[in-house]
Amino acid sequence: MTTRIVIADDQPGIRKGFRRILEAQPDLCVVAEADNGNAAWEAARTLSPDVLLADIRMPGMDGLELTREIVAAALPVRVVVVTTFDLDEYVHTALREGACGFLLKRSRAALLVEAVRAAVEGDALISPEITTRLLTRLTSPRRPARPPAEPLTARESEVARLVAEGLTNSDIGAELFISLGTVKTHLANLQRKLNVRNRVGIAAAVWESGLMR
């Protein structure tokens, strides 16, 4: 099944680079580009893409307002915010408004691809450097950790720690010498046992437990 993507950014070079990265994957297809927020809104409304990559600072509607409008209209579009600016205020606002990811433009190509796929699966992916800083602040001082519904296996604990370090699924597979499918199985088990919705929740649980100290 092909994932349909709209790229919204006011810089032609960025749009071209993202298109090249995404369309190198057989399951990803860019169906439109937009150089401002209003055009991105029209593309999201009329083309019904699976994922919208939205810059924060654009003419017309900015990426945060665009995310808010898409969620309010209940469009079946997952928004991944991609920006040069890694301000905590932007991260919090984007996720609060319903974004399914927050990436820096300097992130590796593989992370962009994985963020799109994670969004389609209902997960949320944040650039590793932001994840570490954000979670450190969110969990300091530490709260008493809520015990998991079931004990974690040794391998699940390893995967959870790597998620908290900001590694992507591919990175985790390479680190532990396991397949991507096995990584996803461990993540699903972790979400169930820790009662969290996505990898950000897994990372927060690890930090709260003190395992990263």
N, C-alpha and C. Protein backbone atom coordinates (compact mmCIF):
# COMPACT_ATOMS: atom_id res chain seq x y z
N MET A 1 0.84 -1.20 0.00
CA MET A 1 0.00 0.00 0.00
C MET A 1 0.88 1.25 0.00
N THR A 2 0.59 2.19 -0.89
CA THR A 2 1.40 3.39 -1.02
C THR A 2 0.92 4.50 -0.09
N THR A 3 1.85 5.13 0.61
CA THR A 3 1.54 6.27 1.47
C THR A 3 1.65 7.55 0.66
N ARG A 4 0.58 8.36 0.66
CA ARG A 4 0.51 9.58 -0.12
C ARG A 4 0.86 10.76 0.78
N ILE A 5 1.77 11.62 0.29
CA ILE A 5 2.36 12.67 1.12
C ILE A 5 2.25 14.03 0.44
N VAL A 6 1.97 15.06 1.24
CA VAL A 6 2.06 16.45 0.79
C VAL A 6 3.20 17.12 1.56
N ILE A 7 4.05 17.84 0.86
CA ILE A 7 5.16 18.57 1.48
C ILE A 7 4.85 20.05 1.48
N ALA A 8 4.83 20.67 2.65
CA ALA A 8 4.54 22.11 2.77
C ALA A 8 5.75 22.82 3.36
N ASP A 9 6.42 23.63 2.53
CA ASP A 9 7.59 24.39 2.97
C ASP A 9 7.79 25.51 1.97
N ASP A 10 8.15 26.69 2.46
CA ASP A 10 8.30 27.82 1.55
C ASP A 10 9.65 27.84 0.84
N GLN A 11 10.52 26.88 1.13
CA GLN A 11 11.83 26.82 0.46
C GLN A 11 11.83 25.71 -0.59
N PRO A 12 11.96 26.07 -1.88
CA PRO A 12 11.93 25.07 -2.95
C PRO A 12 12.99 23.98 -2.78
N GLY A 13 14.16 24.37 -2.29
CA GLY A 13 15.24 23.40 -2.11
C GLY A 13 14.89 22.34 -1.08
N ILE A 14 14.23 22.76 -0.02
CA ILE A 14 13.81 21.81 1.01
C ILE A 14 12.78 20.84 0.44
N ARG A 15 11.79 21.37 -0.27
CA ARG A 15 10.76 20.52 -0.85
C ARG A 15 11.38 19.51 -1.82
N LYS A 16 12.31 19.97 -2.63
CA LYS A 16 12.97 19.08 -3.60
C LYS A 16 13.75 17.99 -2.90
N GLY A 17 14.47 18.36 -1.83
CA GLY A 17 15.25 17.37 -1.09
C GLY A 17 14.37 16.34 -0.41
N PHE A 18 13.29 16.79 0.21
CA PHE A 18 12.37 15.86 0.87
C PHE A 18 11.73 14.92 -0.15
N ARG A 19 11.32 15.48 -1.30
CA ARG A 19 10.70 14.64 -2.33
C ARG A 19 11.68 13.55 -2.78
N ARG A 20 12.93 13.92 -2.98
CA ARG A 20 13.92 12.95 -3.43
C ARG A 20 14.09 11.83 -2.41
N ILE A 21 14.16 12.19 -1.13
CA ILE A 21 14.33 11.20 -0.06
C ILE A 21 13.13 10.26 0.01
N LEU A 22 11.94 10.84 -0.01
CA LEU A 22 10.72 10.06 0.18
C LEU A 22 10.42 9.17 -1.02
N GLU A 23 10.58 9.70 -2.22
CA GLU A 23 10.23 8.93 -3.41
C GLU A 23 11.29 7.89 -3.77
N ALA A 24 12.39 7.86 -3.01
CA ALA A 24 13.36 6.77 -3.17
C ALA A 24 12.84 5.49 -2.53
N GLN A 25 11.77 5.64 -1.75
CA GLN A 25 11.15 4.48 -1.09
C GLN A 25 9.97 3.98 -1.92
N PRO A 26 9.88 2.70 -2.17
CA PRO A 26 8.82 2.18 -3.06
C PRO A 26 7.41 2.36 -2.52
N ASP A 27 7.26 2.55 -1.21
CA ASP A 27 5.92 2.65 -0.62
C ASP A 27 5.50 4.08 -0.33
N LEU A 28 6.32 5.07 -0.72
CA LEU A 28 6.00 6.47 -0.44
C LEU A 28 5.88 7.26 -1.74
N CYS A 29 4.87 8.14 -1.78
CA CYS A 29 4.63 8.93 -2.99
C CYS A 29 4.22 10.35 -2.60
N VAL A 30 4.93 11.35 -3.14
CA VAL A 30 4.58 12.75 -2.91
C VAL A 30 3.53 13.16 -3.94
N VAL A 31 2.35 13.53 -3.47
CA VAL A 31 1.25 13.86 -4.39
C VAL A 31 1.12 15.35 -4.63
N ALA A 32 1.75 16.17 -3.78
CA ALA A 32 1.67 17.62 -3.97
C ALA A 32 2.71 18.32 -3.11
N GLU A 33 3.06 19.53 -3.53
CA GLU A 33 3.91 20.41 -2.75
C GLU A 33 3.17 21.73 -2.55
N ALA A 34 3.44 22.40 -1.44
CA ALA A 34 2.82 23.69 -1.15
C ALA A 34 3.88 24.63 -0.58
N ASP A 35 3.86 25.89 -1.03
CA ASP A 35 4.86 26.84 -0.55
C ASP A 35 4.30 27.79 0.51
N ASN A 36 3.07 27.53 0.97
CA ASN A 36 2.51 28.34 2.05
C ASN A 36 1.42 27.52 2.76
N GLY A 37 1.02 27.99 3.93
CA GLY A 37 0.07 27.24 4.73
C GLY A 37 -1.30 27.13 4.12
N ASN A 38 -1.75 28.16 3.44
CA ASN A 38 -3.07 28.11 2.83
C ASN A 38 -3.13 27.08 1.71
N ALA A 39 -2.08 27.03 0.90
CA ALA A 39 -2.03 26.03 -0.17
C ALA A 39 -1.95 24.63 0.41
N ALA A 40 -1.24 24.49 1.52
CA ALA A 40 -1.14 23.18 2.18
C ALA A 40 -2.50 22.74 2.69
N TRP A 41 -3.27 23.68 3.25
CA TRP A 41 -4.61 23.36 3.73
C TRP A 41 -5.50 22.88 2.59
N GLU A 42 -5.43 23.55 1.45
CA GLU A 42 -6.23 23.15 0.29
C GLU A 42 -5.83 21.77 -0.19
N ALA A 43 -4.52 21.51 -0.21
CA ALA A 43 -4.04 20.19 -0.65
C ALA A 43 -4.51 19.10 0.31
N ALA A 44 -4.44 19.38 1.61
CA ALA A 44 -4.88 18.39 2.60
C ALA A 44 -6.38 18.13 2.49
N ARG A 45 -7.14 19.19 2.19
CA ARG A 45 -8.60 19.08 2.13
C ARG A 45 -9.07 18.38 0.85
N THR A 46 -8.40 18.67 -0.27
CA THR A 46 -8.89 18.16 -1.56
C THR A 46 -8.23 16.85 -1.99
N LEU A 47 -7.00 16.62 -1.57
CA LEU A 47 -6.28 15.43 -2.02
C LEU A 47 -6.32 14.29 -1.01
N SER A 48 -6.68 14.59 0.23
CA SER A 48 -6.74 13.58 1.30
C SER A 48 -5.47 12.73 1.37
N PRO A 49 -4.31 13.36 1.53
CA PRO A 49 -3.07 12.57 1.66
C PRO A 49 -3.06 11.84 3.00
N ASP A 50 -2.18 10.87 3.12
CA ASP A 50 -2.04 10.16 4.39
C ASP A 50 -1.22 10.98 5.38
N VAL A 51 -0.20 11.69 4.88
CA VAL A 51 0.71 12.44 5.74
C VAL A 51 0.99 13.81 5.13
N LEU A 52 1.03 14.82 5.98
CA LEU A 52 1.43 16.17 5.58
C LEU A 52 2.68 16.54 6.34
N LEU A 53 3.75 16.84 5.62
CA LEU A 53 4.97 17.37 6.23
C LEU A 53 4.85 18.88 6.22
N ALA A 54 4.84 19.51 7.38
CA ALA A 54 4.56 20.94 7.46
C ALA A 54 5.67 21.69 8.18
N ASP A 55 6.21 22.71 7.52
CA ASP A 55 7.16 23.59 8.17
C ASP A 55 6.39 24.47 9.16
N ILE A 56 7.05 24.93 10.20
CA ILE A 56 6.37 25.80 11.16
C ILE A 56 6.20 27.20 10.61
N ARG A 57 7.28 27.79 10.10
CA ARG A 57 7.22 29.18 9.63
C ARG A 57 6.99 29.21 8.12
N MET A 58 5.74 29.51 7.75
CA MET A 58 5.37 29.62 6.34
C MET A 58 4.47 30.83 6.17
N PRO A 59 4.42 31.41 4.95
CA PRO A 59 3.45 32.48 4.69
C PRO A 59 2.03 31.95 4.85
N GLY A 60 1.11 32.84 5.15
CA GLY A 60 -0.27 32.41 5.38
C GLY A 60 -0.35 31.69 6.72
N MET A 61 -1.04 30.57 6.75
CA MET A 61 -1.10 29.76 7.97
C MET A 61 0.27 29.18 8.27
N ASP A 62 0.73 29.26 9.51
CA ASP A 62 1.97 28.58 9.86
C ASP A 62 1.68 27.11 10.14
N GLY A 63 2.71 26.34 10.35
CA GLY A 63 2.54 24.91 10.52
C GLY A 63 1.71 24.52 11.73
N LEU A 64 1.81 25.30 12.80
CA LEU A 64 1.05 25.00 14.01
C LEU A 64 -0.44 25.27 13.81
N GLU A 65 -0.75 26.40 13.17
CA GLU A 65 -2.15 26.71 12.88
C GLU A 65 -2.72 25.71 11.89
N LEU A 66 -1.91 25.32 10.93
CA LEU A 66 -2.33 24.34 9.94
C LEU A 66 -2.67 23.01 10.61
N THR A 67 -1.83 22.59 11.53
CA THR A 67 -2.10 21.36 12.29
C THR A 67 -3.41 21.47 13.05
N ARG A 68 -3.61 22.60 13.70
CA ARG A 68 -4.83 22.83 14.47
C ARG A 68 -6.08 22.76 13.58
N GLU A 69 -6.01 23.36 12.41
CA GLU A 69 -7.16 23.37 11.50
C GLU A 69 -7.47 21.97 10.98
N ILE A 70 -6.43 21.22 10.65
CA ILE A 70 -6.63 19.86 10.12
C ILE A 70 -7.27 18.97 11.18
N VAL A 71 -6.79 19.07 12.41
CA VAL A 71 -7.36 18.26 13.49
C VAL A 71 -8.79 18.68 13.78
N ALA A 72 -9.05 19.99 13.79
CA ALA A 72 -10.40 20.49 14.07
C ALA A 72 -11.39 20.05 13.00
N ALA A 73 -10.92 19.96 11.75
CA ALA A 73 -11.79 19.54 10.65
C ALA A 73 -11.90 18.02 10.54
N ALA A 74 -11.19 17.32 11.42
CA ALA A 74 -11.20 15.85 11.44
C ALA A 74 -10.81 15.26 10.09
N LEU A 75 -9.85 15.91 9.42
CA LEU A 75 -9.36 15.35 8.16
C LEU A 75 -8.51 14.12 8.46
N PRO A 76 -8.58 13.10 7.63
CA PRO A 76 -7.80 11.88 7.86
C PRO A 76 -6.35 12.04 7.42
N VAL A 77 -5.70 13.07 7.93
CA VAL A 77 -4.32 13.40 7.54
C VAL A 77 -3.46 13.46 8.79
N ARG A 78 -2.33 12.77 8.77
CA ARG A 78 -1.38 12.83 9.88
C ARG A 78 -0.36 13.92 9.59
N VAL A 79 -0.16 14.83 10.52
CA VAL A 79 0.77 15.94 10.33
C VAL A 79 2.09 15.66 11.05
N VAL A 80 3.18 15.78 10.31
CA VAL A 80 4.52 15.72 10.90
C VAL A 80 5.16 17.09 10.69
N VAL A 81 5.49 17.76 11.79
CA VAL A 81 6.11 19.08 11.71
C VAL A 81 7.60 18.91 11.49
N VAL A 82 8.12 19.62 10.48
CA VAL A 82 9.55 19.58 10.17
C VAL A 82 10.04 21.02 10.14
N THR A 83 11.04 21.32 10.96
CA THR A 83 11.44 22.71 11.11
C THR A 83 12.92 22.86 11.41
N THR A 84 13.41 24.07 11.22
CA THR A 84 14.78 24.41 11.60
C THR A 84 14.86 24.73 13.08
N PHE A 85 13.73 25.11 13.66
CA PHE A 85 13.70 25.66 15.01
C PHE A 85 13.25 24.61 16.02
N ASP A 86 14.13 24.25 16.97
CA ASP A 86 13.81 23.20 17.94
C ASP A 86 13.44 23.78 19.30
N LEU A 87 12.70 24.87 19.30
CA LEU A 87 12.29 25.49 20.56
C LEU A 87 11.28 24.60 21.27
N ASP A 88 11.42 24.46 22.58
CA ASP A 88 10.49 23.64 23.36
C ASP A 88 9.05 24.09 23.17
N GLU A 89 8.87 25.41 23.06
CA GLU A 89 7.52 25.94 22.88
C GLU A 89 6.88 25.37 21.62
N TYR A 90 7.65 25.27 20.54
CA TYR A 90 7.14 24.72 19.29
C TYR A 90 6.80 23.24 19.45
N VAL A 91 7.69 22.51 20.10
CA VAL A 91 7.47 21.07 20.27
C VAL A 91 6.19 20.83 21.05
N HIS A 92 6.05 21.48 22.19
CA HIS A 92 4.86 21.30 23.03
C HIS A 92 3.60 21.67 22.27
N THR A 93 3.63 22.82 21.59
CA THR A 93 2.44 23.28 20.88
C THR A 93 2.07 22.34 19.76
N ALA A 94 3.07 21.89 18.99
CA ALA A 94 2.80 21.00 17.86
C ALA A 94 2.15 19.70 18.33
N LEU A 95 2.69 19.10 19.37
CA LEU A 95 2.15 17.84 19.87
C LEU A 95 0.78 18.05 20.52
N ARG A 96 0.62 19.18 21.21
CA ARG A 96 -0.66 19.48 21.83
C ARG A 96 -1.75 19.69 20.78
N GLU A 97 -1.38 20.29 19.65
CA GLU A 97 -2.36 20.55 18.60
C GLU A 97 -2.67 19.31 17.77
N GLY A 98 -1.90 18.23 17.97
CA GLY A 98 -2.23 16.98 17.29
C GLY A 98 -1.22 16.49 16.27
N ALA A 99 -0.03 17.10 16.22
CA ALA A 99 0.98 16.63 15.28
C ALA A 99 1.43 15.22 15.66
N CYS A 100 1.80 14.44 14.65
CA CYS A 100 2.24 13.05 14.87
C CYS A 100 3.75 12.91 14.73
N GLY A 101 4.45 14.00 14.91
CA GLY A 101 5.91 13.94 14.84
C GLY A 101 6.48 15.34 14.80
N PHE A 102 7.74 15.47 15.23
CA PHE A 102 8.42 16.76 15.22
C PHE A 102 9.88 16.49 14.87
N LEU A 103 10.27 16.89 13.67
CA LEU A 103 11.62 16.63 13.18
C LEU A 103 12.35 17.92 12.85
N LEU A 104 13.65 17.89 13.05
CA LEU A 104 14.49 19.00 12.60
C LEU A 104 14.90 18.75 11.15
N LYS A 105 15.04 19.82 10.40
CA LYS A 105 15.40 19.67 8.98
C LYS A 105 16.78 19.07 8.80
N ARG A 106 17.60 19.17 9.82
CA ARG A 106 18.94 18.58 9.72
C ARG A 106 18.96 17.10 10.08
N SER A 107 17.80 16.52 10.38
CA SER A 107 17.74 15.10 10.72
C SER A 107 18.17 14.24 9.54
N ARG A 108 18.62 13.04 9.83
CA ARG A 108 19.03 12.11 8.79
C ARG A 108 17.84 11.73 7.91
N ALA A 109 18.14 11.41 6.66
CA ALA A 109 17.10 11.03 5.71
C ALA A 109 16.28 9.85 6.24
N ALA A 110 16.94 8.89 6.87
CA ALA A 110 16.24 7.71 7.37
C ALA A 110 15.21 8.08 8.42
N LEU A 111 15.48 9.14 9.20
CA LEU A 111 14.54 9.54 10.24
C LEU A 111 13.29 10.16 9.63
N LEU A 112 13.45 10.89 8.54
CA LEU A 112 12.30 11.47 7.85
C LEU A 112 11.39 10.36 7.34
N VAL A 113 11.98 9.36 6.73
CA VAL A 113 11.20 8.23 6.21
C VAL A 113 10.49 7.51 7.34
N GLU A 114 11.21 7.27 8.43
CA GLU A 114 10.62 6.55 9.55
C GLU A 114 9.51 7.36 10.22
N ALA A 115 9.66 8.68 10.26
CA ALA A 115 8.63 9.53 10.86
C ALA A 115 7.33 9.45 10.07
N VAL A 116 7.45 9.42 8.74
CA VAL A 116 6.26 9.30 7.89
C VAL A 116 5.58 7.96 8.14
N ARG A 117 6.36 6.90 8.17
CA ARG A 117 5.77 5.56 8.39
C ARG A 117 5.18 5.44 9.79
N ALA A 118 5.84 6.05 10.77
CA ALA A 118 5.31 5.99 12.13
C ALA A 118 3.98 6.73 12.22
N ALA A 119 3.87 7.88 11.55
CA ALA A 119 2.63 8.65 11.57
C ALA A 119 1.48 7.84 10.99
N VAL A 120 1.73 7.13 9.90
CA VAL A 120 0.70 6.32 9.28
C VAL A 120 0.22 5.23 10.24
N GLU A 121 1.14 4.72 11.04
CA GLU A 121 0.80 3.66 11.98
C GLU A 121 0.21 4.20 13.29
N GLY A 122 0.05 5.52 13.37
CA GLY A 122 -0.53 6.10 14.57
C GLY A 122 0.47 6.37 15.67
N ASP A 123 1.75 6.30 15.34
CA ASP A 123 2.79 6.54 16.33
C ASP A 123 3.29 7.98 16.19
N ALA A 124 4.18 8.40 17.09
CA ALA A 124 4.76 9.73 17.04
C ALA A 124 6.26 9.63 17.15
N LEU A 125 6.97 10.32 16.28
CA LEU A 125 8.43 10.28 16.29
C LEU A 125 8.96 11.70 16.43
N ILE A 126 9.88 11.89 17.36
CA ILE A 126 10.49 13.19 17.59
C ILE A 126 11.99 13.05 17.39
N SER A 127 12.63 14.07 16.81
CA SER A 127 14.07 14.03 16.61
C SER A 127 14.78 13.66 17.91
N PRO A 128 15.75 12.75 17.85
CA PRO A 128 16.41 12.25 19.07
C PRO A 128 16.95 13.35 19.98
N GLU A 129 17.58 14.38 19.39
CA GLU A 129 18.15 15.42 20.24
C GLU A 129 17.09 16.20 21.01
N ILE A 130 15.90 16.30 20.42
CA ILE A 130 14.78 16.95 21.10
C ILE A 130 14.22 16.03 22.17
N THR A 131 14.09 14.75 21.84
CA THR A 131 13.52 13.77 22.77
C THR A 131 14.28 13.77 24.09
N THR A 132 15.58 13.69 24.01
CA THR A 132 16.39 13.62 25.23
C THR A 132 16.21 14.86 26.09
N ARG A 133 16.29 16.03 25.46
CA ARG A 133 16.14 17.28 26.21
C ARG A 133 14.73 17.42 26.78
N LEU A 134 13.74 17.12 25.96
CA LEU A 134 12.35 17.28 26.36
C LEU A 134 12.00 16.37 27.53
N LEU A 135 12.38 15.11 27.42
CA LEU A 135 12.02 14.16 28.46
C LEU A 135 12.77 14.41 29.75
N THR A 136 13.99 14.90 29.64
CA THR A 136 14.75 15.24 30.85
C THR A 136 14.01 16.31 31.63
N ARG A 137 13.47 17.29 30.94
CA ARG A 137 12.76 18.38 31.61
C ARG A 137 11.39 17.92 32.10
N LEU A 138 10.74 17.08 31.31
CA LEU A 138 9.40 16.62 31.70
C LEU A 138 9.43 15.75 32.95
N THR A 139 10.53 15.06 33.18
CA THR A 139 10.58 14.10 34.27
C THR A 139 11.52 14.52 35.39
N SER A 140 11.80 15.79 35.50
CA SER A 140 12.66 16.28 36.57
C SER A 140 11.91 17.34 37.39
N PRO A 141 11.71 17.14 38.73
CA PRO A 141 12.14 15.96 39.46
C PRO A 141 11.33 14.72 39.09
N ARG A 142 11.93 13.55 39.30
CA ARG A 142 11.29 12.32 38.89
C ARG A 142 10.10 11.98 39.78
N ARG A 143 9.05 11.46 39.12
CA ARG A 143 7.89 10.98 39.85
C ARG A 143 8.08 9.50 40.13
N PRO A 144 7.39 8.97 41.14
CA PRO A 144 7.46 7.51 41.35
C PRO A 144 6.99 6.79 40.10
N ALA A 145 7.77 5.85 39.62
CA ALA A 145 7.43 5.15 38.38
C ALA A 145 6.26 4.21 38.62
N ARG A 146 5.30 4.25 37.68
CA ARG A 146 4.19 3.31 37.76
C ARG A 146 4.65 1.96 37.24
N PRO A 147 4.49 0.89 38.01
CA PRO A 147 4.99 -0.41 37.56
C PRO A 147 4.25 -0.87 36.30
N PRO A 148 4.93 -1.58 35.41
CA PRO A 148 4.25 -2.08 34.20
C PRO A 148 3.18 -3.10 34.54
N ALA A 149 2.21 -3.25 33.63
CA ALA A 149 1.13 -4.21 33.84
C ALA A 149 1.68 -5.62 33.93
N GLU A 150 2.76 -5.89 33.19
CA GLU A 150 3.46 -7.16 33.24
C GLU A 150 4.95 -6.87 33.29
N PRO A 151 5.75 -7.73 33.90
CA PRO A 151 7.20 -7.50 33.92
C PRO A 151 7.77 -7.46 32.51
N LEU A 152 8.74 -6.58 32.29
CA LEU A 152 9.40 -6.50 30.99
C LEU A 152 10.46 -7.59 30.89
N THR A 153 10.59 -8.15 29.70
CA THR A 153 11.68 -9.09 29.47
C THR A 153 12.98 -8.31 29.37
N ALA A 154 14.10 -9.02 29.44
CA ALA A 154 15.40 -8.36 29.32
C ALA A 154 15.52 -7.64 27.98
N ARG A 155 15.04 -8.28 26.91
CA ARG A 155 15.14 -7.67 25.59
C ARG A 155 14.22 -6.45 25.49
N GLU A 156 13.03 -6.52 26.07
CA GLU A 156 12.12 -5.38 26.05
C GLU A 156 12.73 -4.19 26.80
N SER A 157 13.42 -4.47 27.90
CA SER A 157 14.08 -3.40 28.64
C SER A 157 15.18 -2.75 27.80
N GLU A 158 15.93 -3.59 27.05
CA GLU A 158 16.96 -3.05 26.16
C GLU A 158 16.35 -2.14 25.11
N VAL A 159 15.27 -2.60 24.48
CA VAL A 159 14.60 -1.81 23.45
C VAL A 159 14.09 -0.50 24.03
N ALA A 160 13.49 -0.57 25.22
CA ALA A 160 12.95 0.64 25.86
C ALA A 160 14.04 1.66 26.11
N ARG A 161 15.20 1.22 26.58
CA ARG A 161 16.30 2.15 26.85
C ARG A 161 16.80 2.79 25.56
N LEU A 162 16.85 2.02 24.49
CA LEU A 162 17.31 2.57 23.21
C LEU A 162 16.30 3.57 22.65
N VAL A 163 15.01 3.31 22.86
CA VAL A 163 13.99 4.28 22.46
C VAL A 163 14.20 5.59 23.22
N ALA A 164 14.48 5.49 24.52
CA ALA A 164 14.68 6.67 25.35
C ALA A 164 15.93 7.45 24.94
N GLU A 165 16.89 6.75 24.32
CA GLU A 165 18.09 7.42 23.83
C GLU A 165 17.85 8.09 22.48
N GLY A 166 16.65 7.89 21.91
CA GLY A 166 16.31 8.55 20.66
C GLY A 166 16.60 7.75 19.41
N LEU A 167 16.93 6.46 19.54
CA LEU A 167 17.24 5.65 18.36
C LEU A 167 15.96 5.34 17.58
N THR A 168 16.08 5.28 16.27
CA THR A 168 14.96 4.90 15.42
C THR A 168 14.79 3.38 15.45
N ASN A 169 13.71 2.89 14.87
CA ASN A 169 13.50 1.44 14.80
C ASN A 169 14.64 0.76 14.07
N SER A 170 15.08 1.36 12.96
CA SER A 170 16.19 0.78 12.20
C SER A 170 17.47 0.74 13.02
N ASP A 171 17.73 1.83 13.77
CA ASP A 171 18.93 1.88 14.61
C ASP A 171 18.87 0.81 15.70
N ILE A 172 17.69 0.63 16.28
CA ILE A 172 17.53 -0.38 17.34
C ILE A 172 17.78 -1.77 16.77
N GLY A 173 17.23 -2.04 15.59
CA GLY A 173 17.45 -3.33 14.96
C GLY A 173 18.92 -3.61 14.73
N ALA A 174 19.63 -2.59 14.24
CA ALA A 174 21.07 -2.76 13.98
C ALA A 174 21.85 -2.93 15.27
N GLU A 175 21.48 -2.20 16.31
CA GLU A 175 22.17 -2.28 17.60
C GLU A 175 22.01 -3.64 18.25
N LEU A 176 20.81 -4.22 18.13
CA LEU A 176 20.52 -5.48 18.82
C LEU A 176 20.55 -6.69 17.87
N PHE A 177 20.84 -6.44 16.60
CA PHE A 177 20.91 -7.51 15.60
C PHE A 177 19.59 -8.26 15.49
N ILE A 178 18.50 -7.48 15.40
CA ILE A 178 17.18 -8.07 15.24
C ILE A 178 16.50 -7.39 14.06
N SER A 179 15.47 -8.03 13.51
CA SER A 179 14.77 -7.48 12.35
C SER A 179 13.88 -6.31 12.73
N LEU A 180 13.50 -5.53 11.71
CA LEU A 180 12.60 -4.41 11.94
C LEU A 180 11.26 -4.90 12.47
N GLY A 181 10.80 -6.02 11.96
CA GLY A 181 9.54 -6.59 12.44
C GLY A 181 9.59 -6.95 13.91
N THR A 182 10.75 -7.48 14.34
CA THR A 182 10.91 -7.85 15.75
C THR A 182 10.94 -6.61 16.63
N VAL A 183 11.58 -5.55 16.14
CA VAL A 183 11.59 -4.29 16.88
C VAL A 183 10.16 -3.80 17.09
N LYS A 184 9.36 -3.83 16.03
CA LYS A 184 7.98 -3.35 16.12
C LYS A 184 7.15 -4.21 17.09
N THR A 185 7.43 -5.51 17.11
CA THR A 185 6.74 -6.39 18.05
C THR A 185 7.08 -6.01 19.48
N HIS A 186 8.37 -5.76 19.75
CA HIS A 186 8.78 -5.35 21.10
C HIS A 186 8.13 -4.01 21.48
N LEU A 187 8.06 -3.07 20.53
CA LEU A 187 7.45 -1.77 20.82
C LEU A 187 5.97 -1.93 21.16
N ALA A 188 5.28 -2.79 20.41
CA ALA A 188 3.86 -3.03 20.69
C ALA A 188 3.68 -3.63 22.08
N ASN A 189 4.55 -4.57 22.44
CA ASN A 189 4.48 -5.18 23.77
C ASN A 189 4.77 -4.15 24.87
N LEU A 190 5.74 -3.28 24.60
CA LEU A 190 6.08 -2.24 25.58
C LEU A 190 4.92 -1.26 25.78
N GLN A 191 4.28 -0.87 24.68
CA GLN A 191 3.15 0.05 24.80
C GLN A 191 2.02 -0.58 25.63
N ARG A 192 1.80 -1.87 25.41
CA ARG A 192 0.74 -2.55 26.15
C ARG A 192 1.11 -2.68 27.63
N LYS A 193 2.32 -3.11 27.91
CA LYS A 193 2.72 -3.33 29.30
C LYS A 193 2.86 -2.02 30.09
N LEU A 194 3.32 -0.98 29.40
CA LEU A 194 3.52 0.30 30.09
C LEU A 194 2.29 1.20 30.01
N ASN A 195 1.28 0.75 29.25
CA ASN A 195 0.04 1.50 29.08
C ASN A 195 0.31 2.90 28.53
N VAL A 196 1.07 2.95 27.43
CA VAL A 196 1.36 4.21 26.75
C VAL A 196 0.95 4.08 25.29
N ARG A 197 0.84 5.20 24.59
CA ARG A 197 0.30 5.20 23.24
C ARG A 197 1.35 5.08 22.15
N ASN A 198 2.58 5.48 22.44
CA ASN A 198 3.60 5.50 21.38
C ASN A 198 4.99 5.48 21.98
N ARG A 199 6.00 5.64 21.10
CA ARG A 199 7.39 5.55 21.55
C ARG A 199 7.76 6.69 22.48
N VAL A 200 7.12 7.84 22.35
CA VAL A 200 7.39 8.94 23.27
C VAL A 200 6.97 8.55 24.68
N GLY A 201 5.83 7.85 24.78
CA GLY A 201 5.38 7.37 26.08
C GLY A 201 6.33 6.34 26.65
N ILE A 202 6.88 5.48 25.79
CA ILE A 202 7.87 4.49 26.25
C ILE A 202 9.09 5.20 26.82
N ALA A 203 9.58 6.20 26.09
CA ALA A 203 10.76 6.94 26.53
C ALA A 203 10.50 7.63 27.86
N ALA A 204 9.33 8.24 28.00
CA ALA A 204 8.99 8.92 29.25
C ALA A 204 8.97 7.93 30.41
N ALA A 205 8.43 6.74 30.18
CA ALA A 205 8.37 5.72 31.23
C ALA A 205 9.76 5.30 31.66
N VAL A 206 10.67 5.20 30.69
CA VAL A 206 12.06 4.82 31.02
C VAL A 206 12.71 5.90 31.87
N TRP A 207 12.52 7.17 31.48
CA TRP A 207 13.12 8.25 32.25
C TRP A 207 12.54 8.32 33.65
N GLU A 208 11.21 8.12 33.76
CA GLU A 208 10.58 8.20 35.07
C GLU A 208 11.05 7.07 35.99
N SER A 209 11.40 5.93 35.39
CA SER A 209 11.83 4.78 36.20
C SER A 209 13.25 4.94 36.71
N GLY A 210 13.99 5.92 36.13
CA GLY A 210 15.37 6.12 36.54
C GLY A 210 16.36 5.23 35.83
N LEU A 211 15.92 4.49 34.81
CA LEU A 211 16.82 3.58 34.12
C LEU A 211 17.89 4.30 33.31
N MET A 212 17.67 5.58 32.99
CA MET A 212 18.63 6.32 32.18
C MET A 212 19.66 7.06 33.03
N ARG A 213 19.58 6.94 34.33
CA ARG A 213 20.54 7.65 35.20
C ARG A 213 21.89 6.94 35.17
